[in-house]
Amino acid sequence: MASSPTKIGFVGTGIMGLPMARNLLRAGFAVRAFNRTRSKAEPLAADGAVLVDSPAAAADGADAVISIVSDSPDVEAVYLGLGGVATAARLPPLAIDMSTISPAVSRRIGEVLGNKGCDFLDAPVSGGERGAIEATLSIMVGGSAEAFRRAVPILKAMGRTIVHCGPSGAGQVTKLCNQVVGAMNLLGVAEAITIARKADLDVDRMLEAVASGAARSWAVENLGPKMRDRDFAPGFMIDLQQKDLRLVLELARQIRASIPGTAVVNQLFAANQAAGEGTEGTQAIVKTIERLSAMHA
């Protein structure tokens, strides 16, 4: 790291953003942080971050600005809204949005910032809260190869697998593919645990056996035990998963792709939401499967 640390503006310090910003600080970057609810950013001040009052203030004079917020309208507000990044007096040369949003929205924001001399990368992540804390996220990046090259040293402070997926929007499309695989895998784990319980099988032994064979997956190893233990605390909320699946289904309609499995998982999560479980972790899908199987917790 150079004697003058790279200055990062960071917008969005929620479940994922807080540990990601903290890892940037630990790597030696100077961080100015903004969150709409200021109290959620305050823990970063103790780690050395400077808290500011708008995305524009976070971005002003920075070497790069990073955002990770909930949905497409939120990202548009961060970059193009009142007090947004695009209004900064000294716009940074690089912007990296790590939210999961519409590829079309990413491209539109990229065009606006590009016309102002700021390269924009869509760089959504996978790995959940644990990956954010441990800086082991998978980061899927869309944008120019030159901007990607400049972003890699920053991204390495937050992730382990960093892939340039193609031009603007390609990172978002890749993340939507990731959500399809993850959602289908999650359903499989929930159904396996339900079968095990209804058949009076030892769930621990089933998970041990399955995790050692061809069905081994992140969901089996990380969310299977949570389903077993009735731990529904959110590493990733159902409401956010549903937002992602909505984006997947919208893209599928646009490109005329048939993805019936994703539509089924979307409806199963809708049953969780109808039961008031939208703020629980995605592993709570097992409760919907149990209800369909006439089981009780």
Protein backbone atom coordinates (compact mmCIF):
# COMPACT_ATOMS: atom_id res chain seq x y z
CA MET A 1 0.00 0.00 0.00
CA ALA A 2 1.30 3.44 -0.89
CA SER A 3 2.14 5.90 1.92
CA SER A 4 -1.03 7.81 1.03
CA PRO A 5 -3.84 5.24 1.42
CA THR A 6 -6.39 4.74 -1.30
CA LYS A 7 -9.53 6.69 -0.38
CA ILE A 8 -12.80 4.76 -0.64
CA GLY A 9 -16.30 6.12 -0.35
CA PHE A 10 -18.62 3.37 0.92
CA VAL A 11 -22.41 3.52 0.73
CA GLY A 12 -24.58 0.93 2.49
CA THR A 13 -23.52 -0.59 5.81
CA GLY A 14 -26.12 -3.28 6.35
CA ILE A 15 -25.64 -7.00 7.01
CA MET A 16 -23.20 -7.29 4.10
CA GLY A 17 -21.84 -3.78 3.76
CA LEU A 18 -20.66 -3.28 7.34
CA PRO A 19 -18.20 -6.19 7.38
CA MET A 20 -17.11 -5.42 3.81
CA ALA A 21 -16.25 -1.83 4.75
CA ARG A 22 -14.52 -3.11 7.87
CA ASN A 23 -12.34 -5.39 5.75
CA LEU A 24 -11.34 -2.43 3.58
CA LEU A 25 -10.24 -0.58 6.71
CA ARG A 26 -8.25 -3.60 7.88
CA ALA A 27 -6.54 -3.76 4.48
CA GLY A 28 -5.32 -0.19 4.92
CA PHE A 29 -7.83 1.76 2.85
CA ALA A 30 -9.16 5.09 4.10
CA VAL A 31 -12.97 4.83 4.22
CA ARG A 32 -15.67 7.48 4.25
CA ALA A 33 -18.99 5.77 4.91
CA PHE A 34 -22.63 6.69 4.45
CA ASN A 35 -25.76 4.79 5.40
CA ARG A 36 -29.32 6.07 5.18
CA THR A 37 -29.83 4.99 8.81
CA ARG A 38 -26.72 6.54 10.35
CA SER A 39 -26.72 4.29 13.43
CA LYS A 40 -25.92 1.29 11.21
CA ALA A 41 -22.69 2.97 10.10
CA GLU A 42 -21.58 4.11 13.55
CA PRO A 43 -19.67 0.88 14.41
CA LEU A 44 -17.28 1.72 11.55
CA ALA A 45 -16.26 4.98 13.21
CA ALA A 46 -14.62 2.99 16.00
CA ASP A 47 -12.61 1.16 13.32
CA GLY A 48 -11.33 4.39 11.80
CA ALA A 49 -13.92 5.26 9.16
CA VAL A 50 -15.19 8.80 8.70
CA LEU A 51 -18.99 9.01 8.62
CA VAL A 52 -20.62 11.41 6.15
CA ASP A 53 -24.13 12.59 5.42
CA SER A 54 -24.69 11.68 1.75
CA PRO A 55 -23.42 9.46 -1.06
CA ALA A 56 -22.01 12.60 -2.70
CA ALA A 57 -19.94 13.34 0.41
CA ALA A 58 -18.68 9.76 0.48
CA ALA A 59 -17.64 9.96 -3.16
CA ASP A 60 -16.21 13.49 -3.20
CA GLY A 61 -12.48 13.30 -3.91
CA ALA A 62 -12.31 9.54 -3.35
CA ASP A 63 -10.26 7.21 -5.51
CA ALA A 64 -13.29 4.93 -5.78
CA VAL A 65 -16.82 4.70 -4.43
CA ILE A 66 -18.48 1.40 -3.51
CA SER A 67 -22.17 0.77 -2.89
CA ILE A 68 -24.16 -2.19 -1.63
CA VAL A 69 -27.84 -1.50 -1.03
CA SER A 70 -31.10 -3.39 -1.41
CA ASP A 71 -32.71 -2.88 -4.82
CA SER A 72 -32.57 -1.11 -8.18
CA PRO A 73 -34.38 2.09 -7.03
CA ASP A 74 -31.99 2.34 -4.07
CA VAL A 75 -28.95 2.13 -6.34
CA GLU A 76 -30.44 4.73 -8.69
CA ALA A 77 -30.95 7.05 -5.71
CA VAL A 78 -27.39 6.47 -4.48
CA TYR A 79 -25.88 7.43 -7.83
CA LEU A 80 -28.38 9.65 -9.63
CA GLY A 81 -30.65 11.03 -6.90
CA LEU A 82 -30.51 14.20 -4.82
CA GLY A 83 -27.17 14.16 -3.00
CA GLY A 84 -26.13 11.14 -5.06
CA VAL A 85 -22.67 10.18 -6.22
CA ALA A 86 -23.13 11.89 -9.59
CA THR A 87 -23.52 15.24 -7.80
CA ALA A 88 -20.15 15.04 -6.01
CA ALA A 89 -17.94 18.08 -6.57
CA ARG A 90 -14.99 15.80 -7.41
CA LEU A 91 -16.38 12.62 -8.89
CA PRO A 92 -14.10 9.59 -8.35
CA PRO A 93 -12.64 7.88 -11.41
CA LEU A 94 -14.16 4.54 -10.40
CA ALA A 95 -17.54 3.43 -9.01
CA ILE A 96 -18.31 -0.14 -7.98
CA ASP A 97 -21.86 -1.20 -7.21
CA MET A 98 -21.95 -4.50 -5.32
CA SER A 99 -25.73 -4.68 -4.94
CA THR A 100 -27.86 -7.21 -6.80
CA ILE A 101 -30.08 -5.22 -9.16
CA SER A 102 -31.48 -5.11 -12.69
CA PRO A 103 -28.78 -5.42 -15.36
CA ALA A 104 -30.56 -2.70 -17.35
CA VAL A 105 -30.39 -0.30 -14.41
CA SER A 106 -26.67 -1.03 -14.00
CA ARG A 107 -26.07 -0.23 -17.65
CA ARG A 108 -28.04 3.02 -17.42
CA ILE A 109 -26.12 4.21 -14.36
CA GLY A 110 -22.88 3.23 -16.05
CA GLU A 111 -23.75 5.38 -19.06
CA VAL A 112 -24.52 8.43 -16.93
CA LEU A 113 -21.34 8.13 -14.87
CA GLY A 114 -19.26 7.30 -17.92
CA ASN A 115 -20.33 10.57 -19.53
CA LYS A 116 -18.97 12.32 -16.43
CA GLY A 117 -15.61 10.52 -16.58
CA CYS A 118 -16.29 7.87 -13.94
CA ASP A 119 -15.98 4.19 -14.88
CA PHE A 120 -18.78 2.08 -13.41
CA LEU A 121 -18.59 -1.60 -12.54
CA ASP A 122 -21.50 -3.84 -11.54
CA ALA A 123 -19.96 -6.26 -9.06
CA PRO A 124 -22.59 -8.22 -7.11
CA VAL A 125 -21.42 -10.73 -4.54
CA SER A 126 -22.21 -14.21 -3.28
CA GLY A 127 -21.23 -15.81 0.00
CA GLY A 128 -23.64 -14.32 2.49
CA GLU A 129 -22.88 -12.61 5.77
CA ARG A 130 -20.19 -15.14 6.62
CA GLY A 131 -18.37 -14.49 3.35
CA ALA A 132 -18.60 -10.74 3.96
CA ILE A 133 -17.14 -11.11 7.45
CA GLU A 134 -14.35 -13.44 6.37
CA ALA A 135 -13.56 -11.57 3.12
CA THR A 136 -14.20 -14.75 1.11
CA LEU A 137 -16.96 -13.44 -1.14
CA SER A 138 -17.32 -14.45 -4.76
CA ILE A 139 -17.46 -11.21 -6.78
CA MET A 140 -18.94 -11.18 -10.29
CA VAL A 141 -17.90 -8.11 -12.25
CA GLY A 142 -19.30 -6.42 -15.35
CA GLY A 143 -17.66 -3.46 -17.05
CA SER A 144 -14.57 -2.58 -19.03
CA ALA A 145 -11.44 -4.70 -18.65
CA GLU A 146 -9.38 -1.63 -17.81
CA ALA A 147 -11.72 -0.53 -15.01
CA PHE A 148 -11.78 -4.11 -13.71
CA ARG A 149 -7.96 -4.15 -13.58
CA ARG A 150 -7.97 -0.99 -11.45
CA ALA A 151 -10.66 -2.38 -9.15
CA VAL A 152 -9.01 -5.74 -8.40
CA PRO A 153 -6.74 -4.51 -5.53
CA ILE A 154 -9.83 -3.07 -3.83
CA LEU A 155 -12.01 -6.10 -4.44
CA LYS A 156 -9.33 -8.43 -3.06
CA ALA A 157 -9.86 -6.88 0.37
CA MET A 158 -13.44 -8.18 0.35
CA GLY A 159 -13.47 -11.34 -1.72
CA ARG A 160 -11.59 -14.48 -2.64
CA THR A 161 -12.95 -15.30 -6.11
CA ILE A 162 -13.08 -12.26 -8.40
CA VAL A 163 -14.25 -12.88 -11.97
CA HIS A 164 -14.58 -10.40 -14.83
CA CYS A 165 -17.78 -11.69 -16.46
CA GLY A 166 -18.00 -9.32 -19.41
CA PRO A 167 -19.24 -5.82 -20.29
CA SER A 168 -21.57 -3.64 -18.26
CA GLY A 169 -24.46 -5.66 -16.80
CA ALA A 170 -22.66 -9.00 -17.12
CA GLY A 171 -21.91 -9.13 -13.41
CA GLN A 172 -25.59 -8.73 -12.60
CA VAL A 173 -26.66 -11.43 -15.07
CA THR A 174 -24.05 -13.78 -13.58
CA LYS A 175 -25.35 -13.08 -10.09
CA LEU A 176 -28.89 -13.87 -11.21
CA CYS A 177 -27.62 -17.22 -12.53
CA ASN A 178 -26.03 -17.75 -9.11
CA GLN A 179 -29.37 -17.06 -7.43
CA VAL A 180 -31.11 -19.64 -9.60
CA VAL A 181 -28.61 -22.34 -8.59
CA GLY A 182 -28.64 -21.27 -4.95
CA ALA A 183 -32.44 -21.18 -4.66
CA MET A 184 -32.89 -24.58 -6.27
CA ASN A 185 -30.19 -26.07 -4.07
CA LEU A 186 -31.80 -24.56 -0.98
CA LEU A 187 -35.11 -26.18 -1.87
CA GLY A 188 -33.38 -29.53 -2.26
CA VAL A 189 -31.87 -29.29 1.22
CA ALA A 190 -35.24 -28.34 2.73
CA GLU A 191 -36.97 -31.27 1.05
CA ALA A 192 -34.24 -33.72 2.13
CA ILE A 193 -34.50 -32.61 5.76
CA THR A 194 -38.29 -32.91 5.62
CA ILE A 195 -38.06 -36.44 4.23
CA ALA A 196 -35.51 -37.38 6.90
CA ARG A 197 -37.73 -36.10 9.70
CA LYS A 198 -40.90 -37.73 8.39
CA ALA A 199 -39.05 -41.03 7.93
CA ASP A 200 -37.63 -40.84 11.50
CA LEU A 201 -34.09 -40.64 10.16
CA ASP A 202 -31.25 -39.08 12.16
CA VAL A 203 -30.92 -35.68 10.44
CA ASP A 204 -27.32 -35.22 11.65
CA ARG A 205 -26.24 -38.47 10.05
CA MET A 206 -28.12 -37.73 6.85
CA LEU A 207 -26.41 -34.35 6.50
CA GLU A 208 -23.02 -35.90 7.26
CA ALA A 209 -23.49 -38.51 4.55
CA VAL A 210 -24.92 -36.14 1.95
CA ALA A 211 -22.22 -33.52 2.57
CA SER A 212 -19.56 -36.08 1.72
CA GLY A 213 -20.99 -37.19 -1.64
CA ALA A 214 -22.06 -35.81 -4.99
CA ALA A 215 -24.79 -33.66 -3.39
CA ARG A 216 -22.27 -31.72 -1.32
CA SER A 217 -22.90 -27.96 -1.52
CA TRP A 218 -22.65 -24.71 0.39
CA ALA A 219 -26.34 -24.94 1.24
CA VAL A 220 -26.00 -28.49 2.59
CA GLU A 221 -23.01 -27.57 4.75
CA ASN A 222 -24.13 -24.15 5.96
CA LEU A 223 -27.92 -23.99 5.83
CA GLY A 224 -28.73 -27.66 6.43
CA PRO A 225 -27.54 -27.43 10.06
CA LYS A 226 -29.50 -24.21 10.54
CA MET A 227 -32.68 -25.92 9.31
CA ARG A 228 -31.95 -28.83 11.63
CA ASP A 229 -31.44 -26.51 14.61
CA ARG A 230 -34.46 -24.28 13.78
CA ASP A 231 -32.09 -21.33 13.44
CA PHE A 232 -33.83 -18.90 11.11
CA ALA A 233 -31.75 -15.80 11.83
CA PRO A 234 -31.05 -14.04 8.53
CA GLY A 235 -27.70 -14.33 6.86
CA PHE A 236 -29.76 -13.47 3.78
CA MET A 237 -33.42 -12.57 4.20
CA ILE A 238 -36.27 -14.18 2.30
CA ASP A 239 -37.51 -10.72 1.27
CA LEU A 240 -34.16 -10.01 -0.41
CA GLN A 241 -34.08 -13.44 -2.02
CA GLN A 242 -37.52 -12.74 -3.43
CA LYS A 243 -36.28 -9.46 -4.86
CA ASP A 244 -33.49 -11.37 -6.60
CA LEU A 245 -35.85 -14.04 -7.92
CA ARG A 246 -38.14 -11.30 -9.25
CA LEU A 247 -35.16 -9.94 -11.19
CA VAL A 248 -34.39 -13.43 -12.50
CA LEU A 249 -37.97 -13.97 -13.67
CA GLU A 250 -38.08 -10.53 -15.30
CA LEU A 251 -34.87 -11.27 -17.20
CA ALA A 252 -36.17 -14.69 -18.21
CA ARG A 253 -39.31 -13.10 -19.68
CA GLN A 254 -37.24 -10.55 -21.58
CA ILE A 255 -34.98 -13.17 -23.16
CA ARG A 256 -37.69 -15.87 -23.45
CA ALA A 257 -36.02 -18.39 -21.19
CA SER A 258 -38.14 -21.07 -19.50
CA ILE A 259 -37.14 -21.51 -15.84
CA PRO A 260 -39.99 -23.38 -14.13
CA GLY A 261 -37.95 -24.47 -11.12
CA THR A 262 -37.14 -20.87 -10.21
CA ALA A 263 -40.82 -19.95 -10.48
CA VAL A 264 -41.72 -22.75 -8.06
CA VAL A 265 -39.13 -21.62 -5.50
CA ASN A 266 -40.40 -18.06 -5.84
CA GLN A 267 -43.91 -19.24 -4.95
CA LEU A 268 -42.69 -21.32 -2.00
CA PHE A 269 -40.91 -18.27 -0.60
CA ALA A 270 -44.13 -16.31 -1.18
CA ALA A 271 -45.80 -18.73 1.25
CA ASN A 272 -43.12 -17.86 3.82
CA GLN A 273 -43.82 -14.18 3.27
CA ALA A 274 -47.57 -14.76 3.66
CA ALA A 275 -46.81 -16.41 7.01
CA GLY A 276 -44.92 -13.31 8.16
CA GLU A 277 -41.47 -14.86 7.68
CA GLY A 278 -40.04 -12.52 5.06
CA THR A 279 -37.37 -11.14 7.40
CA GLU A 280 -36.13 -14.60 8.34
CA GLY A 281 -33.19 -16.31 6.66
CA THR A 282 -33.74 -18.16 3.40
CA GLN A 283 -33.31 -21.46 5.25
CA ALA A 284 -36.84 -20.85 6.58
CA ILE A 285 -38.12 -22.26 3.29
CA VAL A 286 -38.05 -25.55 5.20
CA LYS A 287 -41.03 -24.31 7.19
CA THR A 288 -43.10 -23.99 4.02
CA ILE A 289 -42.13 -27.52 2.96
CA GLU A 290 -43.03 -28.79 6.44
CA ARG A 291 -46.43 -27.11 6.32
CA LEU A 292 -47.11 -28.67 2.93
CA SER A 293 -46.12 -32.03 4.48
CA ALA A 294 -48.49 -31.58 7.44
CA MET A 295 -45.61 -31.36 9.89
CA HIS A 296 -45.31 -29.21 12.99
CA ALA A 297 -42.11 -27.70 14.46
